[in-house]
Amino acid sequence: MLKILCVCGCGLGSSFAIEMSAKSVLKKLEIEADIDHTTISEANAFKSDIILTQKAFADVLNADASPEQIKRVIILNKLTDKTEIEEKLVAFLKQHNMKVPSHE
């Protein structure tokens, strides 16, 4: 199952908001995923296929990351914008040869 992690500074506010929006998008796309939220300091302790976050936290996550780890980070400009989340998730999944039932 696809594992998605939503990341922010404290692991409560914006990451939880991203998680709620992403869950809605995943339901619409008919994609099963295990989705959770956490702090920037704990993010690397989680195994995930995708990380949804904002640019400032993506820069921190990518600072010591391998090229493969960097590829899993999706930067959101508007954290709860379902259209942006859908576009970026679909692009990521297609790039990684994963099926998106509603976009085939």
N, C-alpha and C. Protein backbone atom coordinates (compact mmCIF):
# COMPACT_ATOMS: atom_id res chain seq x y z
N MET A 1 0.84 -1.18 0.00
CA MET A 1 0.00 0.00 0.00
C MET A 1 0.89 1.25 0.00
N LEU A 2 0.43 2.24 -0.70
CA LEU A 2 1.12 3.52 -0.79
C LEU A 2 1.17 4.18 0.58
N LYS A 3 2.34 4.68 0.96
CA LYS A 3 2.50 5.36 2.26
C LYS A 3 2.83 6.82 2.01
N ILE A 4 2.00 7.70 2.58
CA ILE A 4 2.17 9.14 2.39
C ILE A 4 2.34 9.79 3.75
N LEU A 5 3.32 10.68 3.85
CA LEU A 5 3.59 11.40 5.08
C LEU A 5 3.44 12.90 4.83
N CYS A 6 2.69 13.57 5.69
CA CYS A 6 2.51 15.02 5.61
C CYS A 6 3.35 15.64 6.71
N VAL A 7 4.16 16.64 6.35
CA VAL A 7 5.17 17.16 7.28
C VAL A 7 5.04 18.66 7.47
N CYS A 8 5.16 19.09 8.75
CA CYS A 8 5.25 20.52 9.07
C CYS A 8 6.16 20.68 10.28
N GLY A 9 6.25 21.88 10.79
CA GLY A 9 7.16 22.16 11.89
C GLY A 9 6.81 21.49 13.20
N CYS A 10 5.54 21.51 13.58
CA CYS A 10 5.11 20.95 14.87
C CYS A 10 4.37 19.63 14.74
N GLY A 11 3.98 19.27 13.54
CA GLY A 11 3.28 18.01 13.33
C GLY A 11 1.82 18.03 13.74
N LEU A 12 1.26 19.20 13.92
CA LEU A 12 -0.13 19.30 14.36
C LEU A 12 -1.00 20.12 13.42
N GLY A 13 -0.59 21.31 13.09
CA GLY A 13 -1.43 22.23 12.34
C GLY A 13 -1.47 21.99 10.86
N SER A 14 -0.47 22.50 10.17
CA SER A 14 -0.51 22.44 8.70
C SER A 14 -0.35 21.01 8.18
N SER A 15 0.42 20.17 8.85
CA SER A 15 0.55 18.79 8.35
C SER A 15 -0.77 18.04 8.49
N PHE A 16 -1.52 18.31 9.54
CA PHE A 16 -2.83 17.68 9.71
C PHE A 16 -3.80 18.20 8.64
N ALA A 17 -3.72 19.48 8.34
CA ALA A 17 -4.58 20.06 7.29
C ALA A 17 -4.25 19.45 5.92
N ILE A 18 -2.95 19.27 5.64
CA ILE A 18 -2.54 18.62 4.40
C ILE A 18 -3.10 17.19 4.36
N GLU A 19 -2.98 16.48 5.48
CA GLU A 19 -3.46 15.10 5.55
C GLU A 19 -4.95 15.02 5.23
N MET A 20 -5.75 15.89 5.82
CA MET A 20 -7.19 15.87 5.59
C MET A 20 -7.53 16.15 4.11
N SER A 21 -6.84 17.11 3.53
CA SER A 21 -7.06 17.42 2.11
C SER A 21 -6.60 16.28 1.22
N ALA A 22 -5.46 15.70 1.53
CA ALA A 22 -4.92 14.60 0.74
C ALA A 22 -5.83 13.37 0.82
N LYS A 23 -6.39 13.09 1.99
CA LYS A 23 -7.31 11.96 2.14
C LYS A 23 -8.51 12.13 1.22
N SER A 24 -9.02 13.34 1.15
CA SER A 24 -10.16 13.63 0.29
C SER A 24 -9.80 13.40 -1.18
N VAL A 25 -8.63 13.86 -1.57
CA VAL A 25 -8.17 13.68 -2.95
C VAL A 25 -7.96 12.20 -3.27
N LEU A 26 -7.34 11.48 -2.36
CA LEU A 26 -7.09 10.05 -2.58
C LEU A 26 -8.40 9.27 -2.71
N LYS A 27 -9.39 9.64 -1.91
CA LYS A 27 -10.70 9.00 -2.01
C LYS A 27 -11.31 9.25 -3.39
N LYS A 28 -11.23 10.51 -3.84
CA LYS A 28 -11.74 10.86 -5.17
C LYS A 28 -11.04 10.07 -6.27
N LEU A 29 -9.73 9.90 -6.12
CA LEU A 29 -8.93 9.19 -7.12
C LEU A 29 -9.03 7.67 -7.00
N GLU A 30 -9.73 7.22 -5.96
CA GLU A 30 -9.87 5.78 -5.69
C GLU A 30 -8.53 5.10 -5.47
N ILE A 31 -7.69 5.77 -4.69
CA ILE A 31 -6.36 5.26 -4.36
C ILE A 31 -6.30 4.96 -2.87
N GLU A 32 -5.97 3.71 -2.55
CA GLU A 32 -5.79 3.34 -1.15
C GLU A 32 -4.39 3.75 -0.72
N ALA A 33 -4.32 4.39 0.44
CA ALA A 33 -3.02 4.81 0.95
C ALA A 33 -3.07 4.88 2.46
N ASP A 34 -1.94 4.64 3.05
CA ASP A 34 -1.74 4.84 4.48
C ASP A 34 -1.15 6.24 4.61
N ILE A 35 -1.88 7.15 5.22
CA ILE A 35 -1.44 8.54 5.28
C ILE A 35 -1.37 9.00 6.74
N ASP A 36 -0.31 9.74 7.06
CA ASP A 36 -0.09 10.20 8.43
C ASP A 36 0.57 11.56 8.38
N HIS A 37 0.68 12.21 9.54
CA HIS A 37 1.36 13.51 9.62
C HIS A 37 2.36 13.49 10.78
N THR A 38 3.39 14.32 10.65
CA THR A 38 4.44 14.36 11.67
C THR A 38 5.22 15.67 11.59
N THR A 39 6.19 15.79 12.50
CA THR A 39 7.06 16.96 12.53
C THR A 39 8.23 16.78 11.57
N ILE A 40 8.84 17.88 11.23
CA ILE A 40 10.02 17.84 10.36
C ILE A 40 11.16 17.04 11.02
N SER A 41 11.28 17.14 12.34
CA SER A 41 12.37 16.46 13.03
C SER A 41 12.17 14.95 13.10
N GLU A 42 10.95 14.47 12.96
CA GLU A 42 10.68 13.03 13.02
C GLU A 42 10.44 12.40 11.65
N ALA A 43 10.37 13.20 10.62
CA ALA A 43 9.98 12.70 9.29
C ALA A 43 10.88 11.60 8.77
N ASN A 44 12.17 11.69 8.99
CA ASN A 44 13.08 10.68 8.45
C ASN A 44 13.00 9.34 9.17
N ALA A 45 12.32 9.31 10.30
CA ALA A 45 12.13 8.05 11.02
C ALA A 45 11.03 7.20 10.39
N PHE A 46 10.20 7.83 9.55
CA PHE A 46 9.10 7.13 8.89
C PHE A 46 9.53 6.61 7.53
N LYS A 47 9.02 5.46 7.17
CA LYS A 47 9.20 4.95 5.80
C LYS A 47 7.99 5.41 5.02
N SER A 48 8.23 6.15 3.94
CA SER A 48 7.11 6.63 3.14
C SER A 48 7.49 6.64 1.67
N ASP A 49 6.45 6.54 0.83
CA ASP A 49 6.65 6.63 -0.61
C ASP A 49 6.61 8.07 -1.08
N ILE A 50 5.80 8.87 -0.37
CA ILE A 50 5.59 10.28 -0.73
C ILE A 50 5.59 11.11 0.54
N ILE A 51 6.20 12.29 0.45
CA ILE A 51 6.11 13.28 1.52
C ILE A 51 5.47 14.53 0.94
N LEU A 52 4.40 14.99 1.57
CA LEU A 52 3.75 16.24 1.18
C LEU A 52 4.13 17.30 2.20
N THR A 53 4.65 18.44 1.73
CA THR A 53 5.08 19.49 2.64
C THR A 53 5.22 20.81 1.89
N GLN A 54 5.61 21.84 2.60
CA GLN A 54 5.87 23.14 1.97
C GLN A 54 7.37 23.30 1.71
N LYS A 55 7.73 24.29 0.91
CA LYS A 55 9.11 24.44 0.45
C LYS A 55 10.14 24.50 1.56
N ALA A 56 9.88 25.28 2.60
CA ALA A 56 10.87 25.44 3.68
C ALA A 56 11.22 24.09 4.30
N PHE A 57 10.22 23.25 4.51
CA PHE A 57 10.47 21.95 5.12
C PHE A 57 11.05 20.97 4.11
N ALA A 58 10.70 21.11 2.85
CA ALA A 58 11.30 20.27 1.81
C ALA A 58 12.80 20.51 1.73
N ASP A 59 13.20 21.77 1.85
CA ASP A 59 14.63 22.11 1.82
C ASP A 59 15.38 21.42 2.96
N VAL A 60 14.77 21.38 4.14
CA VAL A 60 15.39 20.72 5.29
C VAL A 60 15.45 19.21 5.06
N LEU A 61 14.36 18.63 4.60
CA LEU A 61 14.32 17.19 4.34
C LEU A 61 15.34 16.77 3.27
N ASN A 62 15.50 17.61 2.27
CA ASN A 62 16.38 17.26 1.14
C ASN A 62 17.85 17.56 1.40
N ALA A 63 18.15 18.29 2.45
CA ALA A 63 19.54 18.71 2.71
C ALA A 63 20.51 17.53 2.78
N ASP A 64 20.14 16.47 3.46
CA ASP A 64 21.02 15.30 3.61
C ASP A 64 20.46 14.06 2.94
N ALA A 65 19.51 14.25 2.05
CA ALA A 65 18.82 13.12 1.43
C ALA A 65 19.54 12.61 0.19
N SER A 66 19.31 11.35 -0.09
CA SER A 66 19.84 10.75 -1.33
C SER A 66 18.96 11.22 -2.49
N PRO A 67 19.43 11.07 -3.72
CA PRO A 67 18.60 11.44 -4.87
C PRO A 67 17.24 10.73 -4.88
N GLU A 68 17.22 9.46 -4.45
CA GLU A 68 15.96 8.71 -4.40
C GLU A 68 15.01 9.30 -3.35
N GLN A 69 15.56 9.70 -2.21
CA GLN A 69 14.73 10.29 -1.16
C GLN A 69 14.17 11.64 -1.59
N ILE A 70 14.95 12.39 -2.31
CA ILE A 70 14.51 13.71 -2.78
C ILE A 70 13.32 13.58 -3.72
N LYS A 71 13.32 12.54 -4.54
CA LYS A 71 12.25 12.34 -5.53
C LYS A 71 10.89 12.12 -4.88
N ARG A 72 10.85 11.69 -3.64
CA ARG A 72 9.57 11.39 -3.00
C ARG A 72 8.91 12.61 -2.36
N VAL A 73 9.61 13.74 -2.32
CA VAL A 73 9.09 14.95 -1.69
C VAL A 73 8.29 15.77 -2.70
N ILE A 74 7.03 16.03 -2.37
CA ILE A 74 6.16 16.87 -3.18
C ILE A 74 5.95 18.18 -2.44
N ILE A 75 6.34 19.28 -3.08
CA ILE A 75 6.22 20.60 -2.47
C ILE A 75 4.86 21.21 -2.83
N LEU A 76 4.13 21.61 -1.81
CA LEU A 76 2.83 22.25 -2.00
C LEU A 76 2.96 23.75 -1.78
N ASN A 77 2.39 24.52 -2.68
CA ASN A 77 2.39 25.97 -2.52
C ASN A 77 1.21 26.44 -1.67
N LYS A 78 0.07 25.78 -1.88
CA LYS A 78 -1.14 26.06 -1.09
C LYS A 78 -1.48 24.76 -0.39
N LEU A 79 -1.22 24.69 0.89
CA LEU A 79 -1.22 23.43 1.61
C LEU A 79 -2.53 22.64 1.58
N THR A 80 -3.65 23.32 1.48
CA THR A 80 -4.93 22.59 1.50
C THR A 80 -5.66 22.68 0.16
N ASP A 81 -4.99 23.10 -0.87
CA ASP A 81 -5.59 23.22 -2.20
C ASP A 81 -5.70 21.82 -2.82
N LYS A 82 -6.91 21.29 -2.83
CA LYS A 82 -7.13 19.92 -3.32
C LYS A 82 -6.78 19.77 -4.80
N THR A 83 -6.98 20.82 -5.56
CA THR A 83 -6.63 20.76 -6.98
C THR A 83 -5.12 20.60 -7.15
N GLU A 84 -4.35 21.39 -6.40
CA GLU A 84 -2.88 21.28 -6.46
C GLU A 84 -2.42 19.92 -5.98
N ILE A 85 -2.99 19.45 -4.88
CA ILE A 85 -2.61 18.14 -4.34
C ILE A 85 -2.91 17.04 -5.36
N GLU A 86 -4.09 17.10 -5.97
CA GLU A 86 -4.45 16.09 -6.97
C GLU A 86 -3.49 16.12 -8.16
N GLU A 87 -3.24 17.30 -8.70
CA GLU A 87 -2.34 17.41 -9.85
C GLU A 87 -0.96 16.85 -9.54
N LYS A 88 -0.44 17.19 -8.38
CA LYS A 88 0.92 16.76 -8.04
C LYS A 88 0.98 15.28 -7.69
N LEU A 89 -0.05 14.76 -7.02
CA LEU A 89 -0.08 13.33 -6.72
C LEU A 89 -0.22 12.50 -7.99
N VAL A 90 -1.11 12.91 -8.88
CA VAL A 90 -1.30 12.18 -10.14
C VAL A 90 -0.01 12.19 -10.95
N ALA A 91 0.64 13.33 -11.05
CA ALA A 91 1.90 13.42 -11.79
C ALA A 91 2.96 12.51 -11.18
N PHE A 92 3.06 12.51 -9.86
CA PHE A 92 4.03 11.65 -9.16
C PHE A 92 3.74 10.18 -9.44
N LEU A 93 2.48 9.79 -9.29
CA LEU A 93 2.12 8.39 -9.47
C LEU A 93 2.36 7.93 -10.90
N LYS A 94 2.00 8.75 -11.86
CA LYS A 94 2.23 8.39 -13.27
C LYS A 94 3.72 8.30 -13.56
N GLN A 95 4.50 9.21 -13.00
CA GLN A 95 5.95 9.20 -13.21
C GLN A 95 6.56 7.91 -12.65
N HIS A 96 5.93 7.36 -11.62
CA HIS A 96 6.44 6.14 -10.99
C HIS A 96 5.65 4.90 -11.45
N ASN A 97 4.98 5.03 -12.60
CA ASN A 97 4.25 3.93 -13.23
C ASN A 97 3.21 3.29 -12.32
N MET A 98 2.56 4.11 -11.51
CA MET A 98 1.47 3.64 -10.66
C MET A 98 0.16 4.03 -11.32
N LYS A 99 -0.82 3.15 -11.23
CA LYS A 99 -2.10 3.40 -11.86
C LYS A 99 -2.96 4.37 -11.06
N VAL A 100 -3.61 5.26 -11.78
CA VAL A 100 -4.57 6.18 -11.20
C VAL A 100 -5.88 5.92 -11.93
N PRO A 101 -6.79 5.11 -11.33
CA PRO A 101 -8.00 4.68 -12.03
C PRO A 101 -8.78 5.81 -12.70
N SER A 102 -8.95 6.93 -12.04
CA SER A 102 -9.78 8.01 -12.60
C SER A 102 -9.03 8.86 -13.63
N HIS A 103 -7.74 8.57 -13.88
CA HIS A 103 -6.96 9.36 -14.84
C HIS A 103 -6.35 8.47 -15.93
N GLU A 104 -7.02 7.39 -16.27
CA GLU A 104 -6.49 6.50 -17.32
C GLU A 104 -7.25 6.68 -18.60
